[in-house]
Amino acid sequence: VGNVEARELLNGVADVVVTDGFTGNAVLK
């Protein structure tokens, strides 16, 4: 479904979000 910004992650815009491990870990924290 395309790109998604970090601020939209918790709004239910996707069922699966992919990113590199460095960015993903930073977003999770």
Full PDB file with SEQRES, HELIX, SHEET, SSBOND, CRYST1, ORIGX, SCALE, CONECT and MASTER records, all heavy atoms in Angstrom:
SEQRES   1 A   29  VAL GLY ASN VAL GLU ALA ARG GLU LEU LEU ASN GLY VAL          
SEQRES   2 A   29  ALA ASP VAL VAL VAL THR ASP GLY PHE THR GLY ASN ALA          
SEQRES   3 A   29  VAL LEU LYS                                                  
HELIX    1 AA1 ALA A    6  ASN A   11  5                                   6    
HELIX    2 AA2 GLY A   21  LEU A   28  1                                   8    
CRYST1    1.000    1.000    1.000  90.00  90.00  90.00 P 1           1          
ORIGX1      1.000000  0.000000  0.000000        0.00000                         
ORIGX2      0.000000  1.000000  0.000000        0.00000                         
ORIGX3      0.000000  0.000000  1.000000        0.00000                         
SCALE1      1.000000  0.000000  0.000000        0.00000                         
SCALE2      0.000000  1.000000  0.000000        0.00000                         
SCALE3      0.000000  0.000000  1.000000        0.00000                         
ATOM      1  N   VAL A   1       0.815  -1.222   0.000  1.00  0.00           N  
ATOM      2  CA  VAL A   1       0.000   0.000   0.000  1.00  0.00           C  
ATOM      3  C   VAL A   1       0.846   1.268   0.000  1.00  0.00           C  
ATOM      4  O   VAL A   1       0.320   2.366   0.149  1.00  0.00           O  
ATOM      5  CB  VAL A   1      -0.971   0.008   1.208  1.00  0.00           C  
ATOM      6  CG1 VAL A   1      -1.975  -1.128   1.089  1.00  0.00           C  
ATOM      7  CG2 VAL A   1      -0.209  -0.084   2.535  1.00  0.00           C  
ATOM      8  N   GLY A   2       2.176   1.119  -0.164  1.00  0.00           N  
ATOM      9  CA  GLY A   2       3.033   2.284  -0.298  1.00  0.00           C  
ATOM     10  C   GLY A   2       3.778   2.673   0.957  1.00  0.00           C  
ATOM     11  O   GLY A   2       3.895   1.891   1.913  1.00  0.00           O  
ATOM     12  N   ASN A   3       4.285   3.905   0.966  1.00  0.00           N  
ATOM     13  CA  ASN A   3       5.044   4.423   2.101  1.00  0.00           C  
ATOM     14  C   ASN A   3       4.129   4.839   3.243  1.00  0.00           C  
ATOM     15  O   ASN A   3       2.982   5.262   3.021  1.00  0.00           O  
ATOM     16  CB  ASN A   3       5.871   5.642   1.670  1.00  0.00           C  
ATOM     17  CG  ASN A   3       7.022   5.272   0.748  1.00  0.00           C  
ATOM     18  OD1 ASN A   3       7.617   4.202   0.887  1.00  0.00           O  
ATOM     19  ND2 ASN A   3       7.348   6.153  -0.190  1.00  0.00           N  
ATOM     20  N   VAL A   4       4.656   4.767   4.456  1.00  0.00           N  
ATOM     21  CA  VAL A   4       3.949   5.259   5.631  1.00  0.00           C  
ATOM     22  C   VAL A   4       4.941   5.998   6.513  1.00  0.00           C  
ATOM     23  O   VAL A   4       6.106   5.602   6.627  1.00  0.00           O  
ATOM     24  CB  VAL A   4       3.280   4.098   6.408  1.00  0.00           C  
ATOM     25  CG1 VAL A   4       4.314   3.108   6.936  1.00  0.00           C  
ATOM     26  CG2 VAL A   4       2.434   4.621   7.557  1.00  0.00           C  
ATOM     27  N   GLU A   5       4.495   7.105   7.111  1.00  0.00           N  
ATOM     28  CA  GLU A   5       5.346   7.862   8.019  1.00  0.00           C  
ATOM     29  C   GLU A   5       5.203   7.341   9.447  1.00  0.00           C  
ATOM     30  O   GLU A   5       4.169   6.767   9.805  1.00  0.00           O  
ATOM     31  CB  GLU A   5       4.984   9.348   7.963  1.00  0.00           C  
ATOM     32  CG  GLU A   5       5.263   9.991   6.623  1.00  0.00           C  
ATOM     33  CD  GLU A   5       4.958  11.477   6.626  1.00  0.00           C  
ATOM     34  OE1 GLU A   5       5.837  12.258   7.046  1.00  0.00           O  
ATOM     35  OE2 GLU A   5       3.850  11.853   6.222  1.00  0.00           O  
ATOM     36  N   ALA A   6       6.225   7.558  10.252  1.00  0.00           N  
ATOM     37  CA  ALA A   6       6.244   7.037  11.620  1.00  0.00           C  
ATOM     38  C   ALA A   6       5.063   7.536  12.442  1.00  0.00           C  
ATOM     39  O   ALA A   6       4.515   6.808  13.280  1.00  0.00           O  
ATOM     40  CB  ALA A   6       7.553   7.415  12.307  1.00  0.00           C  
ATOM     41  N   ARG A   7       4.624   8.780  12.213  1.00  0.00           N  
ATOM     42  CA  ARG A   7       3.530   9.336  13.010  1.00  0.00           C  
ATOM     43  C   ARG A   7       2.190   8.646  12.751  1.00  0.00           C  
ATOM     44  O   ARG A   7       1.240   8.793  13.529  1.00  0.00           O  
ATOM     45  CB  ARG A   7       3.388  10.831  12.716  1.00  0.00           C  
ATOM     46  CG  ARG A   7       2.981  11.166  11.285  1.00  0.00           C  
ATOM     47  CD  ARG A   7       2.912  12.654  11.058  1.00  0.00           C  
ATOM     48  NE  ARG A   7       2.561  12.982   9.680  1.00  0.00           N  
ATOM     49  CZ  ARG A   7       2.471  14.220   9.207  1.00  0.00           C  
ATOM     50  NH1 ARG A   7       2.736  15.238  10.017  1.00  0.00           N  
ATOM     51  NH2 ARG A   7       2.137  14.440   7.956  1.00  0.00           N  
ATOM     52  N   GLU A   8       2.096   7.880  11.655  1.00  0.00           N  
ATOM     53  CA  GLU A   8       0.848   7.201  11.309  1.00  0.00           C  
ATOM     54  C   GLU A   8       0.822   5.736  11.733  1.00  0.00           C  
ATOM     55  O   GLU A   8      -0.188   5.058  11.553  1.00  0.00           O  
ATOM     56  CB  GLU A   8       0.620   7.279   9.785  1.00  0.00           C  
ATOM     57  CG  GLU A   8       0.481   8.689   9.245  1.00  0.00           C  
ATOM     58  CD  GLU A   8      -0.760   9.395   9.753  1.00  0.00           C  
ATOM     59  OE1 GLU A   8      -1.742   8.705  10.101  1.00  0.00           O  
ATOM     60  OE2 GLU A   8      -0.760  10.642   9.808  1.00  0.00           O  
ATOM     61  N   LEU A   9       1.911   5.242  12.296  1.00  0.00           N  
ATOM     62  CA  LEU A   9       2.014   3.814  12.585  1.00  0.00           C  
ATOM     63  C   LEU A   9       0.892   3.292  13.478  1.00  0.00           C  
ATOM     64  O   LEU A   9       0.379   2.190  13.269  1.00  0.00           O  
ATOM     65  CB  LEU A   9       3.372   3.502  13.236  1.00  0.00           C  
ATOM     66  CG  LEU A   9       4.598   3.566  12.319  1.00  0.00           C  
ATOM     67  CD1 LEU A   9       5.865   3.293  13.110  1.00  0.00           C  
ATOM     68  CD2 LEU A   9       4.469   2.582  11.166  1.00  0.00           C  
ATOM     69  N   LEU A  10       0.523   4.068  14.497  1.00  0.00           N  
ATOM     70  CA  LEU A  10      -0.469   3.598  15.477  1.00  0.00           C  
ATOM     71  C   LEU A  10      -1.900   3.898  15.058  1.00  0.00           C  
ATOM     72  O   LEU A  10      -2.829   3.709  15.840  1.00  0.00           O  
ATOM     73  CB  LEU A  10      -0.183   4.217  16.844  1.00  0.00           C  
ATOM     74  CG  LEU A  10       1.214   3.970  17.427  1.00  0.00           C  
ATOM     75  CD1 LEU A  10       1.309   4.546  18.836  1.00  0.00           C  
ATOM     76  CD2 LEU A  10       1.556   2.488  17.444  1.00  0.00           C  
ATOM     77  N   ASN A  11      -2.077   4.357  13.817  1.00  0.00           N  
ATOM     78  CA  ASN A  11      -3.414   4.717  13.335  1.00  0.00           C  
ATOM     79  C   ASN A  11      -4.067   3.639  12.478  1.00  0.00           C  
ATOM     80  O   ASN A  11      -5.105   3.869  11.863  1.00  0.00           O  
ATOM     81  CB  ASN A  11      -3.354   6.030  12.538  1.00  0.00           C  
ATOM     82  CG  ASN A  11      -2.990   7.214  13.421  1.00  0.00           C  
ATOM     83  OD1 ASN A  11      -3.215   7.197  14.626  1.00  0.00           O  
ATOM     84  ND2 ASN A  11      -2.427   8.256  12.820  1.00  0.00           N  
ATOM     85  N   GLY A  12      -3.438   2.469  12.401  1.00  0.00           N  
ATOM     86  CA  GLY A  12      -4.037   1.363  11.663  1.00  0.00           C  
ATOM     87  C   GLY A  12      -3.956   1.480  10.163  1.00  0.00           C  
ATOM     88  O   GLY A  12      -4.814   0.949   9.445  1.00  0.00           O  
ATOM     89  N   VAL A  13      -2.914   2.140   9.645  1.00  0.00           N  
ATOM     90  CA  VAL A  13      -2.795   2.357   8.198  1.00  0.00           C  
ATOM     91  C   VAL A  13      -2.268   1.123   7.467  1.00  0.00           C  
ATOM     92  O   VAL A  13      -2.332   1.054   6.235  1.00  0.00           O  
ATOM     93  CB  VAL A  13      -1.881   3.563   7.892  1.00  0.00           C  
ATOM     94  CG1 VAL A  13      -2.523   4.846   8.375  1.00  0.00           C  
ATOM     95  CG2 VAL A  13      -0.500   3.383   8.518  1.00  0.00           C  
ATOM     96  N   ALA A  14      -1.729   0.158   8.194  1.00  0.00           N  
ATOM     97  CA  ALA A  14      -1.190  -1.053   7.560  1.00  0.00           C  
ATOM     98  C   ALA A  14      -1.242  -2.209   8.545  1.00  0.00           C  
ATOM     99  O   ALA A  14      -1.334  -2.014   9.759  1.00  0.00           O  
ATOM    100  CB  ALA A  14       0.241  -0.818   7.087  1.00  0.00           C  
ATOM    101  N   ASP A  15      -1.195  -3.423   8.011  1.00  0.00           N  
ATOM    102  CA  ASP A  15      -1.153  -4.631   8.846  1.00  0.00           C  
ATOM    103  C   ASP A  15       0.279  -5.108   9.059  1.00  0.00           C  
ATOM    104  O   ASP A  15       0.568  -5.809  10.019  1.00  0.00           O  
ATOM    105  CB  ASP A  15      -1.963  -5.749   8.186  1.00  0.00           C  
ATOM    106  CG  ASP A  15      -3.407  -5.348   7.964  1.00  0.00           C  
ATOM    107  OD1 ASP A  15      -4.079  -5.016   8.956  1.00  0.00           O  
ATOM    108  OD2 ASP A  15      -3.853  -5.362   6.795  1.00  0.00           O  
ATOM    109  N   VAL A  16       1.163  -4.714   8.135  1.00  0.00           N  
ATOM    110  CA  VAL A  16       2.585  -5.072   8.201  1.00  0.00           C  
ATOM    111  C   VAL A  16       3.392  -3.834   7.805  1.00  0.00           C  
ATOM    112  O   VAL A  16       3.081  -3.199   6.794  1.00  0.00           O  
ATOM    113  CB  VAL A  16       2.936  -6.234   7.251  1.00  0.00           C  
ATOM    114  CG1 VAL A  16       4.434  -6.530   7.290  1.00  0.00           C  
ATOM    115  CG2 VAL A  16       2.134  -7.485   7.601  1.00  0.00           C  
ATOM    116  N   VAL A  17       4.403  -3.500   8.594  1.00  0.00           N  
ATOM    117  CA  VAL A  17       5.277  -2.370   8.275  1.00  0.00           C  
ATOM    118  C   VAL A  17       6.709  -2.881   8.233  1.00  0.00           C  
ATOM    119  O   VAL A  17       7.172  -3.542   9.164  1.00  0.00           O  
ATOM    120  CB  VAL A  17       5.157  -1.245   9.321  1.00  0.00           C  
ATOM    121  CG1 VAL A  17       6.149  -0.120   9.020  1.00  0.00           C  
ATOM    122  CG2 VAL A  17       3.739  -0.700   9.360  1.00  0.00           C  
ATOM    123  N   VAL A  18       7.418  -2.580   7.124  1.00  0.00           N  
ATOM    124  CA  VAL A  18       8.798  -3.045   6.985  1.00  0.00           C  
ATOM    125  C   VAL A  18       9.760  -1.866   7.020  1.00  0.00           C  
ATOM    126  O   VAL A  18       9.457  -0.774   6.548  1.00  0.00           O  
ATOM    127  CB  VAL A  18       9.000  -3.855   5.686  1.00  0.00           C  
ATOM    128  CG1 VAL A  18       8.116  -5.078   5.694  1.00  0.00           C  
ATOM    129  CG2 VAL A  18       8.716  -3.019   4.455  1.00  0.00           C  
ATOM    130  N   THR A  19      10.932  -2.126   7.605  1.00  0.00           N  
ATOM    131  CA  THR A  19      11.987  -1.121   7.689  1.00  0.00           C  
ATOM    132  C   THR A  19      13.304  -1.825   7.997  1.00  0.00           C  
ATOM    133  O   THR A  19      13.325  -3.031   8.271  1.00  0.00           O  
ATOM    134  CB  THR A  19      11.667  -0.073   8.772  1.00  0.00           C  
ATOM    135  OG1 THR A  19      12.663   0.957   8.758  1.00  0.00           O  
ATOM    136  CG2 THR A  19      11.648  -0.705  10.163  1.00  0.00           C  
ATOM    137  N   ASP A  20      14.407  -1.077   7.952  1.00  0.00           N  
ATOM    138  CA  ASP A  20      15.693  -1.665   8.323  1.00  0.00           C  
ATOM    139  C   ASP A  20      15.772  -1.812   9.836  1.00  0.00           C  
ATOM    140  O   ASP A  20      15.031  -1.158  10.583  1.00  0.00           O  
ATOM    141  CB  ASP A  20      16.838  -0.796   7.811  1.00  0.00           C  
ATOM    142  CG  ASP A  20      16.854   0.575   8.461  1.00  0.00           C  
ATOM    143  OD1 ASP A  20      16.167   1.477   7.940  1.00  0.00           O  
ATOM    144  OD2 ASP A  20      17.528   0.742   9.493  1.00  0.00           O  
ATOM    145  N   GLY A  21      16.672  -2.671  10.313  1.00  0.00           N  
ATOM    146  CA  GLY A  21      16.749  -2.982  11.734  1.00  0.00           C  
ATOM    147  C   GLY A  21      17.108  -1.808  12.619  1.00  0.00           C  
ATOM    148  O   GLY A  21      16.591  -1.692  13.735  1.00  0.00           O  
ATOM    149  N   PHE A  22      17.977  -0.927  12.155  1.00  0.00           N  
ATOM    150  CA  PHE A  22      18.373   0.230  12.960  1.00  0.00           C  
ATOM    151  C   PHE A  22      17.179   1.149  13.180  1.00  0.00           C  
ATOM    152  O   PHE A  22      16.872   1.542  14.306  1.00  0.00           O  
ATOM    153  CB  PHE A  22      19.505   0.993  12.258  1.00  0.00           C  
ATOM    154  CG  PHE A  22      19.998   2.184  13.038  1.00  0.00           C  
ATOM    155  CD1 PHE A  22      21.017   2.050  13.963  1.00  0.00           C  
ATOM    156  CD2 PHE A  22      19.431   3.436  12.850  1.00  0.00           C  
ATOM    157  CE1 PHE A  22      21.479   3.144  14.695  1.00  0.00           C  
ATOM    158  CE2 PHE A  22      19.877   4.540  13.568  1.00  0.00           C  
ATOM    159  CZ  PHE A  22      20.905   4.389  14.485  1.00  0.00           C  
ATOM    160  N   THR A  23      16.483   1.488  12.093  1.00  0.00           N  
ATOM    161  CA  THR A  23      15.321   2.373  12.189  1.00  0.00           C  
ATOM    162  C   THR A  23      14.200   1.721  12.986  1.00  0.00           C  
ATOM    163  O   THR A  23      13.575   2.359  13.841  1.00  0.00           O  
ATOM    164  CB  THR A  23      14.807   2.733  10.780  1.00  0.00           C  
ATOM    165  OG1 THR A  23      15.866   3.331  10.031  1.00  0.00           O  
ATOM    166  CG2 THR A  23      13.643   3.699  10.858  1.00  0.00           C  
ATOM    167  N   GLY A  24      13.956   0.445  12.732  1.00  0.00           N  
ATOM    168  CA  GLY A  24      12.887  -0.260  13.434  1.00  0.00           C  
ATOM    169  C   GLY A  24      13.089  -0.291  14.924  1.00  0.00           C  
ATOM    170  O   GLY A  24      12.149  -0.087  15.698  1.00  0.00           O  
ATOM    171  N   ASN A  25      14.332  -0.541  15.348  1.00  0.00           N  
ATOM    172  CA  ASN A  25      14.620  -0.581  16.777  1.00  0.00           C  
ATOM    173  C   ASN A  25      14.440   0.790  17.410  1.00  0.00           C  
ATOM    174  O   ASN A  25      13.897   0.904  18.513  1.00  0.00           O  
ATOM    175  CB  ASN A  25      16.041  -1.096  17.008  1.00  0.00           C  
ATOM    176  CG  ASN A  25      16.322  -1.373  18.467  1.00  0.00           C  
ATOM    177  OD1 ASN A  25      16.855  -0.533  19.180  1.00  0.00           O  
ATOM    178  ND2 ASN A  25      15.947  -2.558  18.927  1.00  0.00           N  
ATOM    179  N   ALA A  26      14.874   1.844  16.697  1.00  0.00           N  
ATOM    180  CA  ALA A  26      14.719   3.205  17.213  1.00  0.00           C  
ATOM    181  C   ALA A  26      13.244   3.578  17.341  1.00  0.00           C  
ATOM    182  O   ALA A  26      12.825   4.193  18.338  1.00  0.00           O  
ATOM    183  CB  ALA A  26      15.438   4.191  16.300  1.00  0.00           C  
ATOM    184  N   VAL A  27      12.438   3.202  16.355  1.00  0.00           N  
ATOM    185  CA  VAL A  27      10.999   3.487  16.398  1.00  0.00           C  
ATOM    186  C   VAL A  27      10.336   2.728  17.540  1.00  0.00           C  
ATOM    187  O   VAL A  27       9.501   3.277  18.275  1.00  0.00           O  
ATOM    188  CB  VAL A  27      10.338   3.121  15.053  1.00  0.00           C  
ATOM    189  CG1 VAL A  27       8.816   3.155  15.152  1.00  0.00           C  
ATOM    190  CG2 VAL A  27      10.797   4.079  13.962  1.00  0.00           C  
ATOM    191  N   LEU A  28      10.702   1.452  17.703  1.00  0.00           N  
ATOM    192  CA  LEU A  28      10.141   0.644  18.789  1.00  0.00           C  
ATOM    193  C   LEU A  28      10.427   1.275  20.144  1.00  0.00           C  
ATOM    194  O   LEU A  28       9.527   1.411  20.988  1.00  0.00           O  
ATOM    195  CB  LEU A  28      10.717  -0.774  18.741  1.00  0.00           C  
ATOM    196  CG  LEU A  28      10.313  -1.701  19.896  1.00  0.00           C  
ATOM    197  CD1 LEU A  28       8.826  -1.994  19.858  1.00  0.00           C  
ATOM    198  CD2 LEU A  28      11.121  -3.003  19.838  1.00  0.00           C  
ATOM    199  N   LYS A  29      11.694   1.683  20.366  1.00  0.00           N  
ATOM    200  CA  LYS A  29      12.054   2.290  21.641  1.00  0.00           C  
ATOM    201  C   LYS A  29      11.334   3.630  21.843  1.00  0.00           C  
ATOM    202  O   LYS A  29      10.979   3.989  22.968  1.00  0.00           O  
ATOM    203  CB  LYS A  29      13.577   2.490  21.705  1.00  0.00           C  
ATOM    204  CG  LYS A  29      14.389   1.191  21.632  1.00  0.00           C  
ATOM    205  CD  LYS A  29      14.137   0.314  22.843  1.00  0.00           C  
ATOM    206  CE  LYS A  29      14.796  -1.065  22.702  1.00  0.00           C  
ATOM    207  NZ  LYS A  29      16.241  -1.006  22.518  1.00  0.00           N  
TER     208      LYS A  29                                                      
MASTER        0    0    0    2    0    0    0    6  207    1    0    3          
END                                                                             
